[in-house]
N, C-alpha and C. Protein backbone atom coordinates (compact mmCIF):
# COMPACT_ATOMS: atom_id res chain seq x y z
N MET A 1 -6.67 14.79 14.54
CA MET A 1 -7.86 15.41 13.99
C MET A 1 -9.05 14.47 14.21
N LYS A 2 -10.07 14.99 14.82
CA LYS A 2 -11.27 14.20 15.05
C LYS A 2 -12.24 14.38 13.89
N THR A 3 -13.10 13.40 13.70
CA THR A 3 -14.10 13.46 12.65
C THR A 3 -15.48 13.63 13.27
N ASP A 4 -16.45 13.92 12.43
CA ASP A 4 -17.80 14.11 12.94
C ASP A 4 -18.58 12.81 12.92
N LYS A 5 -19.80 12.88 13.45
CA LYS A 5 -20.65 11.69 13.57
C LYS A 5 -21.03 11.11 12.20
N LYS A 6 -21.20 11.97 11.21
CA LYS A 6 -21.59 11.50 9.89
C LYS A 6 -20.49 10.60 9.29
N PHE A 7 -19.23 11.03 9.44
CA PHE A 7 -18.12 10.23 8.93
C PHE A 7 -18.05 8.89 9.65
N LYS A 8 -18.21 8.92 10.97
CA LYS A 8 -18.16 7.68 11.75
C LYS A 8 -19.28 6.74 11.31
N ALA A 9 -20.48 7.29 11.13
CA ALA A 9 -21.62 6.46 10.70
C ALA A 9 -21.39 5.90 9.30
N LEU A 10 -20.82 6.69 8.42
CA LEU A 10 -20.53 6.22 7.06
C LEU A 10 -19.53 5.07 7.10
N MET A 11 -18.45 5.25 7.83
CA MET A 11 -17.41 4.20 7.91
C MET A 11 -18.01 2.91 8.46
N GLN A 12 -18.75 3.02 9.53
CA GLN A 12 -19.34 1.83 10.15
C GLN A 12 -20.37 1.20 9.22
N GLY A 13 -21.22 2.02 8.62
CA GLY A 13 -22.26 1.51 7.75
C GLY A 13 -21.70 0.79 6.53
N LEU A 14 -20.69 1.39 5.89
CA LEU A 14 -20.08 0.76 4.71
C LEU A 14 -19.39 -0.55 5.09
N ARG A 15 -18.74 -0.55 6.25
CA ARG A 15 -18.06 -1.78 6.69
C ARG A 15 -19.07 -2.89 6.94
N GLN A 16 -20.15 -2.55 7.62
CA GLN A 16 -21.18 -3.55 7.90
C GLN A 16 -21.85 -4.03 6.62
N GLN A 17 -22.08 -3.11 5.70
CA GLN A 17 -22.68 -3.45 4.41
C GLN A 17 -21.79 -4.43 3.64
N ALA A 18 -20.48 -4.26 3.79
CA ALA A 18 -19.53 -5.15 3.13
C ALA A 18 -19.41 -6.49 3.86
N GLY A 19 -20.03 -6.60 5.03
CA GLY A 19 -19.98 -7.85 5.79
C GLY A 19 -18.62 -8.09 6.44
N LEU A 20 -17.93 -7.00 6.78
CA LEU A 20 -16.59 -7.12 7.36
C LEU A 20 -16.60 -6.69 8.82
N SER A 21 -15.79 -7.38 9.61
CA SER A 21 -15.57 -6.93 10.98
C SER A 21 -14.52 -5.82 10.93
N GLN A 22 -14.35 -5.12 12.04
CA GLN A 22 -13.31 -4.10 12.09
C GLN A 22 -11.94 -4.73 11.85
N LYS A 23 -11.72 -5.88 12.42
CA LYS A 23 -10.43 -6.57 12.26
C LYS A 23 -10.19 -6.94 10.80
N GLU A 24 -11.21 -7.47 10.14
CA GLU A 24 -11.06 -7.86 8.74
C GLU A 24 -10.76 -6.65 7.85
N LEU A 25 -11.47 -5.56 8.09
CA LEU A 25 -11.22 -4.36 7.29
C LEU A 25 -9.84 -3.79 7.58
N ALA A 26 -9.44 -3.83 8.83
CA ALA A 26 -8.10 -3.36 9.19
C ALA A 26 -7.03 -4.15 8.43
N GLU A 27 -7.20 -5.46 8.36
CA GLU A 27 -6.24 -6.30 7.63
C GLU A 27 -6.20 -5.93 6.15
N LYS A 28 -7.37 -5.71 5.55
CA LYS A 28 -7.43 -5.33 4.14
C LYS A 28 -6.80 -3.96 3.89
N ALA A 29 -6.90 -3.08 4.89
CA ALA A 29 -6.36 -1.73 4.76
C ALA A 29 -4.88 -1.66 5.15
N GLY A 30 -4.37 -2.74 5.73
CA GLY A 30 -2.96 -2.77 6.11
C GLY A 30 -2.65 -1.98 7.37
N VAL A 31 -3.63 -1.90 8.28
CA VAL A 31 -3.42 -1.21 9.55
C VAL A 31 -3.81 -2.14 10.69
N SER A 32 -3.42 -1.77 11.89
CA SER A 32 -3.80 -2.60 13.03
C SER A 32 -5.28 -2.43 13.33
N GLY A 33 -5.83 -3.38 14.05
CA GLY A 33 -7.22 -3.29 14.44
C GLY A 33 -7.50 -2.05 15.27
N LEU A 34 -6.58 -1.71 16.17
CA LEU A 34 -6.74 -0.53 17.01
C LEU A 34 -6.74 0.75 16.17
N THR A 35 -5.86 0.81 15.19
CA THR A 35 -5.82 2.00 14.32
C THR A 35 -7.13 2.14 13.58
N TYR A 36 -7.64 1.04 13.03
CA TYR A 36 -8.92 1.14 12.31
C TYR A 36 -10.04 1.56 13.26
N GLN A 37 -10.06 1.00 14.47
CA GLN A 37 -11.08 1.40 15.44
C GLN A 37 -11.05 2.90 15.67
N ARG A 38 -9.86 3.46 15.74
CA ARG A 38 -9.74 4.91 15.95
C ARG A 38 -10.32 5.69 14.78
N TYR A 39 -10.18 5.16 13.56
CA TYR A 39 -10.80 5.81 12.41
C TYR A 39 -12.32 5.77 12.54
N GLU A 40 -12.82 4.60 12.84
CA GLU A 40 -14.28 4.42 12.90
C GLU A 40 -14.89 5.16 14.08
N TYR A 41 -14.18 5.26 15.18
CA TYR A 41 -14.70 5.97 16.35
C TYR A 41 -14.51 7.48 16.22
N GLY A 42 -13.79 7.90 15.20
CA GLY A 42 -13.62 9.32 14.96
C GLY A 42 -12.45 9.96 15.69
N ASP A 43 -11.56 9.15 16.25
CA ASP A 43 -10.40 9.70 16.96
C ASP A 43 -9.25 10.06 16.02
N ARG A 44 -9.24 9.47 14.83
CA ARG A 44 -8.19 9.73 13.84
C ARG A 44 -8.81 9.73 12.46
N VAL A 45 -8.09 10.33 11.53
CA VAL A 45 -8.48 10.30 10.12
C VAL A 45 -7.36 9.58 9.37
N PRO A 46 -7.70 8.63 8.51
CA PRO A 46 -6.66 7.92 7.78
C PRO A 46 -5.93 8.83 6.79
N ASP A 47 -4.65 8.53 6.56
CA ASP A 47 -3.92 9.27 5.54
C ASP A 47 -4.43 8.84 4.17
N ALA A 48 -3.98 9.51 3.13
CA ALA A 48 -4.51 9.26 1.79
C ALA A 48 -4.29 7.82 1.32
N ARG A 49 -3.14 7.27 1.59
CA ARG A 49 -2.84 5.90 1.16
C ARG A 49 -3.75 4.89 1.86
N THR A 50 -3.91 5.05 3.16
CA THR A 50 -4.78 4.15 3.92
C THR A 50 -6.23 4.34 3.52
N ALA A 51 -6.64 5.59 3.32
CA ALA A 51 -8.02 5.85 2.89
C ALA A 51 -8.31 5.17 1.56
N THR A 52 -7.33 5.15 0.67
CA THR A 52 -7.49 4.49 -0.63
C THR A 52 -7.73 2.99 -0.44
N ARG A 53 -6.96 2.38 0.46
CA ARG A 53 -7.13 0.95 0.72
C ARG A 53 -8.46 0.66 1.40
N ILE A 54 -8.88 1.53 2.32
CA ILE A 54 -10.17 1.36 2.98
C ILE A 54 -11.29 1.48 1.95
N ALA A 55 -11.22 2.51 1.12
CA ALA A 55 -12.26 2.72 0.10
C ALA A 55 -12.37 1.52 -0.83
N LYS A 56 -11.23 0.99 -1.24
CA LYS A 56 -11.24 -0.17 -2.13
C LYS A 56 -11.90 -1.37 -1.45
N ALA A 57 -11.56 -1.60 -0.19
CA ALA A 57 -12.13 -2.72 0.55
C ALA A 57 -13.63 -2.55 0.75
N LEU A 58 -14.09 -1.29 0.81
CA LEU A 58 -15.51 -1.01 1.03
C LEU A 58 -16.28 -0.76 -0.26
N ASP A 59 -15.60 -0.92 -1.38
CA ASP A 59 -16.23 -0.72 -2.69
C ASP A 59 -16.83 0.68 -2.81
N THR A 60 -16.05 1.67 -2.42
CA THR A 60 -16.46 3.07 -2.55
C THR A 60 -15.25 3.87 -3.01
N THR A 61 -15.38 5.16 -3.00
CA THR A 61 -14.27 6.02 -3.42
C THR A 61 -13.72 6.80 -2.24
N VAL A 62 -12.49 7.21 -2.36
CA VAL A 62 -11.89 8.07 -1.35
C VAL A 62 -12.66 9.38 -1.29
N GLU A 63 -13.10 9.85 -2.44
CA GLU A 63 -13.85 11.11 -2.48
C GLU A 63 -15.11 11.04 -1.61
N GLU A 64 -15.79 9.90 -1.64
CA GLU A 64 -16.99 9.75 -0.81
C GLU A 64 -16.62 9.80 0.67
N LEU A 65 -15.52 9.14 1.04
CA LEU A 65 -15.09 9.17 2.43
C LEU A 65 -14.71 10.58 2.86
N TRP A 66 -13.92 11.27 2.06
CA TRP A 66 -13.49 12.63 2.40
C TRP A 66 -14.66 13.60 2.42
N ALA A 67 -15.61 13.43 1.49
CA ALA A 67 -16.76 14.33 1.46
C ALA A 67 -17.55 14.22 2.76
N ALA A 68 -17.73 13.01 3.24
CA ALA A 68 -18.46 12.81 4.49
C ALA A 68 -17.69 13.40 5.66
N ALA A 69 -16.36 13.29 5.61
CA ALA A 69 -15.54 13.80 6.71
C ALA A 69 -15.54 15.32 6.76
N SER A 70 -15.70 15.97 5.61
CA SER A 70 -15.56 17.42 5.58
C SER A 70 -16.87 18.19 5.54
N GLN A 71 -17.99 17.52 5.45
CA GLN A 71 -19.27 18.20 5.30
C GLN A 71 -19.68 19.03 6.50
N HIS A 72 -19.33 18.60 7.69
CA HIS A 72 -19.81 19.31 8.89
C HIS A 72 -18.70 19.84 9.76
N LYS A 73 -17.69 20.42 9.15
CA LYS A 73 -16.59 20.99 9.94
C LYS A 73 -16.97 22.35 10.45
């Protein structure tokens, strides 16, 4: 499942705001760097467990991430 540009921009913006590289966020989320890149580039959507870890690392909520992902379907 691909995501839209808004979701990709949100993921990248929140990560940069947190001062994390893709690799650092991937480690915090418990996924490989390549897997996280696919989330941020919009090639994949994280499952609920991974999204929870990403949201926690980015100091946001899963609901905010999902809302951005579903707004422009």
